[in-house]
Amino acid sequence: VDIDWEFPGGGGEAGNSVSPNDGANYALLLANVRGKLDALGARLGRTYEISVAAPAGSDKIATFNAAGLAPHIDFFNLMCYDLYGAW
């Protein structure tokens, strides 16, 4: 399962609803999903991986909460297109 919450804490479209608690809430969401998938996997004899789309731009990393997400996922998919410019 790949979760792609593009802008926890802000940085998306002007009309999006954001909160300073988005990073913490993202970790809670992933903890819940991890628990449900682990329980399902134990019942069915399977394993399930969770990944998240992770920002590369420093302005987006600030509200992402990577440390809070890491215990609940298997890997990060880095969105390298956040690094752009006229270099």
N, C-alpha and C. Protein backbone atom coordinates (compact mmCIF):
# COMPACT_ATOMS: atom_id res chain seq x y z
N VAL A 1 0.86 -1.16 0.00
CA VAL A 1 0.00 0.00 0.00
C VAL A 1 0.91 1.22 0.00
N ASP A 2 0.68 2.12 -0.95
CA ASP A 2 1.45 3.36 -1.00
C ASP A 2 0.53 4.52 -0.65
N ILE A 3 0.88 5.26 0.37
CA ILE A 3 0.11 6.42 0.81
C ILE A 3 0.81 7.67 0.29
N ASP A 4 0.04 8.54 -0.34
CA ASP A 4 0.61 9.75 -0.93
C ASP A 4 -0.16 10.98 -0.43
N TRP A 5 0.17 11.42 0.77
CA TRP A 5 -0.39 12.67 1.31
C TRP A 5 0.63 13.74 0.94
N GLU A 6 0.34 14.47 -0.10
CA GLU A 6 1.32 15.38 -0.67
C GLU A 6 1.80 16.48 0.27
N PHE A 7 0.91 17.10 1.00
CA PHE A 7 1.31 18.30 1.74
C PHE A 7 0.79 18.30 3.18
N PRO A 8 1.21 17.37 4.03
CA PRO A 8 0.78 17.47 5.43
C PRO A 8 1.32 18.75 6.06
N GLY A 9 0.45 19.52 6.65
CA GLY A 9 0.88 20.75 7.31
C GLY A 9 0.88 21.97 6.43
N GLY A 10 0.54 21.83 5.16
CA GLY A 10 0.45 22.98 4.27
C GLY A 10 1.34 22.86 3.06
N GLY A 11 1.18 23.80 2.15
CA GLY A 11 2.00 23.84 0.95
C GLY A 11 1.27 23.41 -0.30
N GLY A 12 0.02 22.99 -0.18
CA GLY A 12 -0.74 22.59 -1.36
C GLY A 12 -1.57 23.74 -1.91
N GLU A 13 -2.68 23.40 -2.50
CA GLU A 13 -3.58 24.40 -3.07
C GLU A 13 -4.14 25.30 -1.97
N ALA A 14 -4.44 26.52 -2.32
CA ALA A 14 -4.91 27.51 -1.35
C ALA A 14 -6.18 27.09 -0.61
N GLY A 15 -7.06 26.34 -1.23
CA GLY A 15 -8.32 25.94 -0.60
C GLY A 15 -8.24 24.69 0.26
N ASN A 16 -7.08 24.03 0.31
CA ASN A 16 -6.95 22.80 1.10
C ASN A 16 -7.04 23.08 2.59
N SER A 17 -7.66 22.18 3.31
CA SER A 17 -7.72 22.27 4.76
C SER A 17 -6.43 21.70 5.34
N VAL A 18 -5.73 22.49 6.14
CA VAL A 18 -4.47 22.04 6.75
C VAL A 18 -4.47 22.35 8.23
N SER A 19 -3.61 21.66 8.96
CA SER A 19 -3.49 21.86 10.40
C SER A 19 -2.03 21.68 10.79
N PRO A 20 -1.58 22.39 11.82
CA PRO A 20 -0.23 22.15 12.33
C PRO A 20 -0.06 20.73 12.87
N ASN A 21 -1.17 20.04 13.11
CA ASN A 21 -1.13 18.67 13.63
C ASN A 21 -1.09 17.62 12.52
N ASP A 22 -1.04 18.05 11.27
CA ASP A 22 -1.07 17.09 10.15
C ASP A 22 0.05 16.06 10.23
N GLY A 23 1.27 16.46 10.56
CA GLY A 23 2.38 15.51 10.63
C GLY A 23 2.14 14.45 11.69
N ALA A 24 1.67 14.85 12.86
CA ALA A 24 1.36 13.89 13.93
C ALA A 24 0.17 13.02 13.54
N ASN A 25 -0.83 13.62 12.91
CA ASN A 25 -2.00 12.85 12.48
C ASN A 25 -1.65 11.85 11.39
N TYR A 26 -0.70 12.21 10.53
CA TYR A 26 -0.23 11.29 9.50
C TYR A 26 0.38 10.05 10.15
N ALA A 27 1.18 10.25 11.17
CA ALA A 27 1.78 9.11 11.89
C ALA A 27 0.70 8.25 12.54
N LEU A 28 -0.33 8.88 13.11
CA LEU A 28 -1.43 8.12 13.71
C LEU A 28 -2.18 7.32 12.65
N LEU A 29 -2.42 7.92 11.50
CA LEU A 29 -3.08 7.21 10.40
C LEU A 29 -2.28 5.98 10.01
N LEU A 30 -0.97 6.15 9.83
CA LEU A 30 -0.13 5.04 9.40
C LEU A 30 -0.01 3.97 10.48
N ALA A 31 0.00 4.36 11.74
CA ALA A 31 0.02 3.37 12.83
C ALA A 31 -1.24 2.52 12.79
N ASN A 32 -2.37 3.16 12.51
CA ASN A 32 -3.64 2.45 12.43
C ASN A 32 -3.66 1.51 11.23
N VAL A 33 -3.23 1.99 10.08
CA VAL A 33 -3.19 1.15 8.88
C VAL A 33 -2.23 -0.02 9.09
N ARG A 34 -1.05 0.25 9.69
CA ARG A 34 -0.08 -0.81 9.95
C ARG A 34 -0.69 -1.89 10.85
N GLY A 35 -1.37 -1.47 11.92
CA GLY A 35 -1.99 -2.42 12.83
C GLY A 35 -3.03 -3.29 12.13
N LYS A 36 -3.86 -2.67 11.30
CA LYS A 36 -4.90 -3.42 10.58
C LYS A 36 -4.29 -4.38 9.57
N LEU A 37 -3.27 -3.94 8.83
CA LEU A 37 -2.64 -4.82 7.86
C LEU A 37 -1.88 -5.96 8.53
N ASP A 38 -1.24 -5.68 9.66
CA ASP A 38 -0.54 -6.75 10.38
C ASP A 38 -1.53 -7.78 10.90
N ALA A 39 -2.68 -7.33 11.40
CA ALA A 39 -3.70 -8.26 11.89
C ALA A 39 -4.26 -9.10 10.74
N LEU A 40 -4.52 -8.47 9.62
CA LEU A 40 -5.01 -9.20 8.45
C LEU A 40 -3.97 -10.20 7.96
N GLY A 41 -2.71 -9.76 7.92
CA GLY A 41 -1.64 -10.64 7.49
C GLY A 41 -1.48 -11.85 8.40
N ALA A 42 -1.61 -11.64 9.71
CA ALA A 42 -1.51 -12.75 10.66
C ALA A 42 -2.65 -13.75 10.43
N ARG A 43 -3.82 -13.23 10.14
CA ARG A 43 -4.98 -14.09 9.92
C ARG A 43 -4.86 -14.87 8.61
N LEU A 44 -4.31 -14.24 7.58
CA LEU A 44 -4.24 -14.86 6.26
C LEU A 44 -2.89 -15.49 5.94
N GLY A 45 -1.91 -15.32 6.84
CA GLY A 45 -0.58 -15.85 6.59
C GLY A 45 0.16 -15.10 5.49
N ARG A 46 -0.05 -13.79 5.44
CA ARG A 46 0.59 -12.95 4.42
C ARG A 46 1.28 -11.78 5.09
N THR A 47 2.10 -11.09 4.33
CA THR A 47 2.68 -9.84 4.81
C THR A 47 2.29 -8.73 3.85
N TYR A 48 2.18 -7.55 4.40
CA TYR A 48 1.81 -6.37 3.61
C TYR A 48 2.82 -5.27 3.88
N GLU A 49 3.23 -4.61 2.81
CA GLU A 49 4.16 -3.49 2.94
C GLU A 49 3.40 -2.17 2.83
N ILE A 50 3.90 -1.18 3.54
CA ILE A 50 3.38 0.18 3.44
C ILE A 50 4.53 1.08 3.05
N SER A 51 4.28 1.92 2.06
CA SER A 51 5.24 2.95 1.68
C SER A 51 4.53 4.29 1.66
N VAL A 52 5.31 5.34 1.71
CA VAL A 52 4.75 6.68 1.59
C VAL A 52 5.56 7.47 0.57
N ALA A 53 4.88 8.38 -0.11
CA ALA A 53 5.55 9.32 -1.00
C ALA A 53 6.13 10.42 -0.11
N ALA A 54 7.43 10.59 -0.15
CA ALA A 54 8.12 11.53 0.74
C ALA A 54 8.66 12.71 -0.04
N PRO A 55 8.51 13.91 0.51
CA PRO A 55 9.01 15.10 -0.18
C PRO A 55 10.53 15.17 -0.18
N ALA A 56 11.06 15.88 -1.17
CA ALA A 56 12.50 16.12 -1.22
C ALA A 56 12.82 17.58 -0.96
N GLY A 57 11.87 18.46 -1.19
CA GLY A 57 12.10 19.89 -0.98
C GLY A 57 12.10 20.25 0.49
N SER A 58 13.05 21.07 0.91
CA SER A 58 13.17 21.41 2.34
C SER A 58 11.94 22.10 2.89
N ASP A 59 11.22 22.85 2.06
CA ASP A 59 10.01 23.52 2.53
C ASP A 59 8.91 22.53 2.88
N LYS A 60 8.91 21.37 2.22
CA LYS A 60 7.89 20.35 2.48
C LYS A 60 8.33 19.37 3.57
N ILE A 61 9.63 19.14 3.67
CA ILE A 61 10.15 18.22 4.68
C ILE A 61 9.85 18.73 6.09
N ALA A 62 9.82 20.04 6.25
CA ALA A 62 9.64 20.65 7.57
C ALA A 62 8.37 20.19 8.28
N THR A 63 7.30 19.88 7.55
CA THR A 63 6.04 19.48 8.18
C THR A 63 5.71 18.01 7.93
N PHE A 64 6.63 17.25 7.38
CA PHE A 64 6.36 15.88 6.95
C PHE A 64 6.36 14.85 8.08
N ASN A 65 7.19 15.01 9.11
CA ASN A 65 7.26 14.09 10.25
C ASN A 65 7.80 12.70 9.87
N ALA A 66 8.90 12.66 9.15
CA ALA A 66 9.50 11.39 8.74
C ALA A 66 9.81 10.49 9.93
N ALA A 67 10.32 11.05 11.01
CA ALA A 67 10.66 10.23 12.19
C ALA A 67 9.42 9.59 12.80
N GLY A 68 8.30 10.28 12.75
CA GLY A 68 7.06 9.72 13.28
C GLY A 68 6.45 8.66 12.38
N LEU A 69 6.71 8.75 11.09
CA LEU A 69 6.16 7.80 10.13
C LEU A 69 6.98 6.52 10.03
N ALA A 70 8.29 6.65 10.14
CA ALA A 70 9.22 5.54 9.88
C ALA A 70 8.90 4.24 10.63
N PRO A 71 8.50 4.27 11.90
CA PRO A 71 8.23 3.00 12.58
C PRO A 71 7.05 2.21 12.00
N HIS A 72 6.22 2.87 11.20
CA HIS A 72 4.98 2.24 10.73
C HIS A 72 5.02 1.84 9.26
N ILE A 73 6.11 2.17 8.57
CA ILE A 73 6.17 1.88 7.14
C ILE A 73 7.39 1.04 6.82
N ASP A 74 7.40 0.53 5.59
CA ASP A 74 8.53 -0.29 5.14
C ASP A 74 9.55 0.52 4.34
N PHE A 75 9.09 1.52 3.62
CA PHE A 75 10.02 2.38 2.91
C PHE A 75 9.36 3.68 2.47
N PHE A 76 10.22 4.65 2.17
CA PHE A 76 9.82 5.94 1.63
C PHE A 76 10.08 5.95 0.13
N ASN A 77 9.16 6.48 -0.65
CA ASN A 77 9.38 6.76 -2.07
C ASN A 77 9.65 8.26 -2.17
N LEU A 78 10.88 8.62 -2.47
CA LEU A 78 11.28 10.02 -2.50
C LEU A 78 10.78 10.70 -3.78
N MET A 79 10.07 11.80 -3.62
CA MET A 79 9.55 12.56 -4.77
C MET A 79 10.63 13.54 -5.23
N CYS A 80 11.57 13.03 -6.00
CA CYS A 80 12.72 13.82 -6.43
C CYS A 80 12.35 15.01 -7.30
N TYR A 81 11.16 15.00 -7.87
CA TYR A 81 10.75 16.14 -8.70
C TYR A 81 10.53 17.39 -7.87
N ASP A 82 10.56 17.27 -6.52
CA ASP A 82 10.53 18.46 -5.66
C ASP A 82 11.80 19.29 -5.84
N LEU A 83 12.85 18.65 -6.33
CA LEU A 83 14.12 19.34 -6.55
C LEU A 83 14.18 19.81 -7.99
N TYR A 84 13.85 21.03 -8.20
CA TYR A 84 13.84 21.57 -9.56
C TYR A 84 14.42 22.97 -9.54
N GLY A 85 14.80 23.43 -10.67
CA GLY A 85 15.33 24.78 -10.75
C GLY A 85 16.04 25.02 -12.07
N ALA A 86 16.51 26.21 -12.23
CA ALA A 86 17.23 26.58 -13.46
C ALA A 86 18.72 26.55 -13.17
N TRP A 87 19.23 25.41 -12.78
CA TRP A 87 20.65 25.32 -12.50
C TRP A 87 21.31 24.96 -13.78
